[in-house]
C-alpha atoms as a PDB file:
ATOM      1  CA  MET A   1      84.741  82.885 142.122  1.00  0.00           C
ATOM      2  CA  GLY A   2      81.944  80.796 143.624  1.00  0.00           C
ATOM      3  CA  LEU A   3      79.437  81.800 146.235  1.00  0.00           C
ATOM      4  CA  LYS A   4      80.258  80.922 149.805  1.00  0.00           C
ATOM      5  CA  THR A   5      77.637  78.787 151.457  1.00  0.00           C
ATOM      6  CA  LYS A   6      77.061  77.901 155.064  1.00  0.00           C
ATOM      7  CA  ARG A   7      74.782  75.194 156.378  1.00  0.00           C
ATOM      8  CA  VAL A   8      72.283  76.468 158.936  1.00  0.00           C
ATOM      9  CA  VAL A   9      69.843  74.460 161.028  1.00  0.00           C
ATOM     10  CA  PHE A  10      66.537  75.929 162.210  1.00  0.00           C
ATOM     11  CA  THR A  11      64.156  74.573 164.814  1.00  0.00           C
ATOM     12  CA  PHE A  12      60.477  75.136 163.985  1.00  0.00           C
ATOM     13  CA  ASP A  13      57.406  74.604 166.106  1.00  0.00           C
ATOM     14  CA  ASP A  14      54.732  72.406 164.497  1.00  0.00           C
ATOM     15  CA  THR A  15      52.658  75.304 163.176  1.00  0.00           C
ATOM     16  CA  SER A  16      55.630  77.105 161.636  1.00  0.00           C
ATOM     17  CA  LEU A  17      56.898  73.920 160.003  1.00  0.00           C
ATOM     18  CA  ARG A  18      53.463  73.186 158.514  1.00  0.00           C
ATOM     19  CA  THR A  19      53.335  76.769 157.224  1.00  0.00           C
ATOM     20  CA  LEU A  20      56.769  76.439 155.610  1.00  0.00           C
ATOM     21  CA  GLU A  21      55.812  73.110 154.042  1.00  0.00           C
ATOM     22  CA  GLN A  22      52.579  74.624 152.708  1.00  0.00           C
ATOM     23  CA  MET A  23      54.375  77.709 151.342  1.00  0.00           C
ATOM     24  CA  THR A  24      56.976  75.484 149.675  1.00  0.00           C
ATOM     25  CA  GLU A  25      54.294  73.410 147.975  1.00  0.00           C
ATOM     26  CA  GLU A  26      51.985  76.291 146.998  1.00  0.00           C
ATOM     27  CA  GLY A  27      54.903  78.372 145.731  1.00  0.00           C
ATOM     28  CA  LYS A  28      56.197  75.399 143.742  1.00  0.00           C
ATOM     29  CA  TYR A  29      59.657  75.752 145.299  1.00  0.00           C
ATOM     30  CA  THR A  30      62.080  72.881 144.804  1.00  0.00           C
ATOM     31  CA  SER A  31      62.948  72.886 148.506  1.00  0.00           C
ATOM     32  CA  MET A  32      62.108  74.531 151.810  1.00  0.00           C
ATOM     33  CA  ALA A  33      65.528  76.205 151.619  1.00  0.00           C
ATOM     34  CA  ASP A  34      64.549  77.896 148.330  1.00  0.00           C
ATOM     35  CA  CYS A  35      61.339  79.127 149.944  1.00  0.00           C
ATOM     36  CA  VAL A  36      63.247  80.555 152.915  1.00  0.00           C
ATOM     37  CA  ARG A  37      65.856  82.187 150.628  1.00  0.00           C
ATOM     38  CA  GLU A  38      63.225  83.951 148.551  1.00  0.00           C
ATOM     39  CA  SER A  39      61.325  84.990 151.680  1.00  0.00           C
ATOM     40  CA  LEU A  40      64.530  86.564 153.001  1.00  0.00           C
ATOM     41  CA  GLN A  41      65.032  88.467 149.737  1.00  0.00           C
ATOM     42  CA  ILE A  42      61.472  89.803 149.867  1.00  0.00           C
ATOM     43  CA  THR A  43      61.839  90.793 153.515  1.00  0.00           C
ATOM     44  CA  ARG A  44      65.141  92.563 152.778  1.00  0.00           C
ATOM     45  CA  ALA A  45      63.488  94.551 149.969  1.00  0.00           C
ATOM     46  CA  LEU A  46      60.564  95.535 152.209  1.00  0.00           C
ATOM     47  CA  ILE A  47      62.867  96.603 155.047  1.00  0.00           C
ATOM     48  CA  THR A  48      64.909  98.740 152.655  1.00  0.00           C
ATOM     49  CA  LEU A  49      61.742 100.420 151.379  1.00  0.00           C
ATOM     50  CA  ALA A  50      60.469 101.017 154.925  1.00  0.00           C
ATOM     51  CA  GLU A  51      63.801 102.583 155.882  1.00  0.00           C
ATOM     52  CA  HIS A  52      63.272 105.036 153.008  1.00  0.00           C
ATOM     53  CA  GLY A  53      59.863 106.096 154.280  1.00  0.00           C
ATOM     54  CA  PHE A  54      57.568 103.732 152.423  1.00  0.00           C
ATOM     55  CA  SER A  55      54.767 102.623 154.707  1.00  0.00           C
ATOM     56  CA  GLU A  56      52.156 100.908 152.535  1.00  0.00           C
ATOM     57  CA  LEU A  57      52.204  97.760 150.461  1.00  0.00           C
ATOM     58  CA  LEU A  58      49.510  97.527 147.789  1.00  0.00           C
ATOM     59  CA  VAL A  59      48.844  94.613 145.485  1.00  0.00           C
ATOM     60  CA  ARG A  60      46.722  94.931 142.373  1.00  0.00           C
ATOM     61  CA  ASN A  61      44.844  92.338 140.349  1.00  0.00           C
ATOM     62  CA  PRO A  62      45.400  93.358 136.707  1.00  0.00           C
ATOM     63  CA  ARG A  63      42.310  91.468 135.543  1.00  0.00           C
ATOM     64  CA  THR A  64      39.872  93.208 137.889  1.00  0.00           C
ATOM     65  CA  ASN A  65      41.872  96.290 138.929  1.00  0.00           C
ATOM     66  CA  GLY A  66      41.024  95.295 142.489  1.00  0.00           C
ATOM     67  CA  GLU A  67      43.532  96.433 145.098  1.00  0.00           C
ATOM     68  CA  ARG A  68      44.405  95.167 148.544  1.00  0.00           C
ATOM     69  CA  GLU A  69      46.670  96.676 151.151  1.00  0.00           C
ATOM     70  CA  ILE A  70      49.005  94.328 152.979  1.00  0.00           C
ATOM     71  CA  VAL A  71      49.751  95.510 156.498  1.00  0.00           C
ATOM     72  CA  VAL A  72      53.358  94.892 157.511  1.00  0.00           C
ATOM     73  CA  PRO A  73      53.667  95.691 161.243  1.00  0.00           C
ATOM     74  CA  ARG A  74      57.452  96.034 160.980  1.00  0.00           C
ATOM     75  CA  PHE A  75      56.992  99.060 158.668  1.00  0.00           C
ATOM     76  CA  ARG A  76      55.884 101.106 161.674  1.00  0.00           C
ATOM     77  CA  LEU A  77      59.001 100.121 163.599  1.00  0.00           C
ATOM     78  CA  LEU A  78      61.342 101.041 160.751  1.00  0.00           C
ATOM     79  CA  ARG A  79      59.634 104.204 159.545  1.00  0.00           C
ATOM     80  CA  ARG A  80      61.833 107.271 159.709  1.00  0.00           C
ATOM     81  CA  VAL A  81      60.132 110.224 161.322  1.00  0.00           C
END
């Protein structure tokens, strides 16, 4: 059984379109649609984590052991008290 697909059209302002084009190129995606799909998957994962009480996102550079925290404003909105 194949996946159902639906064609969707988005309207972007100039800045958002340039950002999407840049992300598509830098991420080496084959299309803007692939970039958007993966971005949706990442966002879904982050929302699920936030709904389970996670409130921080840390990234680590394995070569230097340097760490950075990524602030996701939506985490505060989704955090369960």
